């Protein structure tokens, strides 16, 4: 049996985020300024994971507070 190696894989995905804003246009403007890490962190926070108990991430006024444990 061949030994397994780590291979890079590119994954493209659509992510829908709930972003507090006065309009959809404002929400898109806010999201364009987010880093990839921030986008993924918010997306993970908004998913209904039971396994993420202890997560302390809050998205308030465009800022992330707390961190994953």
C-alpha atoms as a PDB file:
ATOM      1  CA  UNK A   1       0.000   0.000   0.000  1.00  0.00           C
ATOM      2  CA  UNK A   2       1.370   3.421  -0.987  1.00  0.00           C
ATOM      3  CA  UNK A   3       2.191   5.887   1.771  1.00  0.00           C
ATOM      4  CA  UNK A   4      -0.232   8.808   1.887  1.00  0.00           C
ATOM      5  CA  UNK A   5       1.067  12.323   1.253  1.00  0.00           C
ATOM      6  CA  UNK A   6      -0.486  15.719   1.797  1.00  0.00           C
ATOM      7  CA  UNK A   7      -1.670  17.269  -1.473  1.00  0.00           C
ATOM      8  CA  UNK A   8      -2.923  20.825  -1.943  1.00  0.00           C
ATOM      9  CA  UNK A   9      -6.492  20.993  -3.201  1.00  0.00           C
ATOM     10  CA  UNK A  10      -8.257  24.154  -4.358  1.00  0.00           C
ATOM     11  CA  UNK A  11     -11.854  24.387  -3.135  1.00  0.00           C
ATOM     12  CA  UNK A  12     -14.205  27.041  -4.466  1.00  0.00           C
ATOM     13  CA  UNK A  13     -17.356  27.654  -2.464  1.00  0.00           C
ATOM     14  CA  UNK A  14     -20.154  30.151  -2.123  1.00  0.00           C
ATOM     15  CA  UNK A  15     -20.661  31.503   1.383  1.00  0.00           C
ATOM     16  CA  UNK A  16     -23.729  33.444   2.502  1.00  0.00           C
ATOM     17  CA  UNK A  17     -23.163  35.756   5.482  1.00  0.00           C
ATOM     18  CA  UNK A  18     -25.585  37.760   7.560  1.00  0.00           C
ATOM     19  CA  UNK A  19     -24.000  41.228   7.713  1.00  0.00           C
ATOM     20  CA  UNK A  20     -25.584  44.027   9.749  1.00  0.00           C
ATOM     21  CA  UNK A  21     -26.099  47.012   7.440  1.00  0.00           C
ATOM     22  CA  UNK A  22     -28.638  49.573   6.279  1.00  0.00           C
ATOM     23  CA  UNK A  23     -28.778  48.105   2.758  1.00  0.00           C
ATOM     24  CA  UNK A  24     -27.556  45.167   0.712  1.00  0.00           C
ATOM     25  CA  UNK A  25     -25.132  47.507  -1.055  1.00  0.00           C
ATOM     26  CA  UNK A  26     -23.645  48.589   2.283  1.00  0.00           C
ATOM     27  CA  UNK A  27     -23.342  44.933   3.327  1.00  0.00           C
ATOM     28  CA  UNK A  28     -21.410  44.123   0.130  1.00  0.00           C
ATOM     29  CA  UNK A  29     -19.159  47.155   0.688  1.00  0.00           C
ATOM     30  CA  UNK A  30     -18.355  45.943   4.217  1.00  0.00           C
ATOM     31  CA  UNK A  31     -17.637  42.392   3.068  1.00  0.00           C
ATOM     32  CA  UNK A  32     -15.258  43.559   0.326  1.00  0.00           C
ATOM     33  CA  UNK A  33     -13.002  45.004   3.030  1.00  0.00           C
ATOM     34  CA  UNK A  34     -12.882  41.763   5.064  1.00  0.00           C
ATOM     35  CA  UNK A  35      -9.845  39.488   4.977  1.00  0.00           C
ATOM     36  CA  UNK A  36     -10.294  35.840   4.011  1.00  0.00           C
ATOM     37  CA  UNK A  37      -9.751  34.849   7.636  1.00  0.00           C
ATOM     38  CA  UNK A  38     -12.442  37.255   8.805  1.00  0.00           C
ATOM     39  CA  UNK A  39     -14.917  36.030   6.168  1.00  0.00           C
ATOM     40  CA  UNK A  40     -14.369  32.386   7.104  1.00  0.00           C
ATOM     41  CA  UNK A  41     -14.521  33.122  10.831  1.00  0.00           C
ATOM     42  CA  UNK A  42     -17.873  34.881  10.459  1.00  0.00           C
ATOM     43  CA  UNK A  43     -19.167  32.085   8.219  1.00  0.00           C
ATOM     44  CA  UNK A  44     -18.200  29.448  10.789  1.00  0.00           C
ATOM     45  CA  UNK A  45     -19.827  31.421  13.589  1.00  0.00           C
ATOM     46  CA  UNK A  46     -23.086  31.606  11.662  1.00  0.00           C
ATOM     47  CA  UNK A  47     -23.269  27.861  10.968  1.00  0.00           C
ATOM     48  CA  UNK A  48     -25.355  25.796  13.394  1.00  0.00           C
ATOM     49  CA  UNK A  49     -22.495  23.589  14.652  1.00  0.00           C
ATOM     50  CA  UNK A  50     -23.225  21.833  17.916  1.00  0.00           C
ATOM     51  CA  UNK A  51     -19.545  20.881  18.095  1.00  0.00           C
ATOM     52  CA  UNK A  52     -18.495  24.528  18.367  1.00  0.00           C
ATOM     53  CA  UNK A  53     -19.541  24.924  21.989  1.00  0.00           C
ATOM     54  CA  UNK A  54     -17.083  27.248  23.647  1.00  0.00           C
ATOM     55  CA  UNK A  55     -16.624  29.400  20.565  1.00  0.00           C
ATOM     56  CA  UNK A  56     -16.485  33.018  21.560  1.00  0.00           C
ATOM     57  CA  UNK A  57     -16.783  34.901  18.309  1.00  0.00           C
ATOM     58  CA  UNK A  58     -19.160  37.812  18.018  1.00  0.00           C
ATOM     59  CA  UNK A  59     -19.609  39.941  14.909  1.00  0.00           C
ATOM     60  CA  UNK A  60     -20.550  43.422  16.048  1.00  0.00           C
ATOM     61  CA  UNK A  61     -20.435  46.537  13.876  1.00  0.00           C
ATOM     62  CA  UNK A  62     -17.918  45.033  11.487  1.00  0.00           C
ATOM     63  CA  UNK A  63     -15.558  43.777  14.184  1.00  0.00           C
ATOM     64  CA  UNK A  64     -14.890  40.261  15.421  1.00  0.00           C
ATOM     65  CA  UNK A  65     -14.476  39.862  19.153  1.00  0.00           C
ATOM     66  CA  UNK A  66     -13.200  36.717  20.853  1.00  0.00           C
ATOM     67  CA  UNK A  67     -11.640  33.614  19.373  1.00  0.00           C
ATOM     68  CA  UNK A  68     -12.208  29.915  18.812  1.00  0.00           C
ATOM     69  CA  UNK A  69     -11.025  27.691  21.630  1.00  0.00           C
END
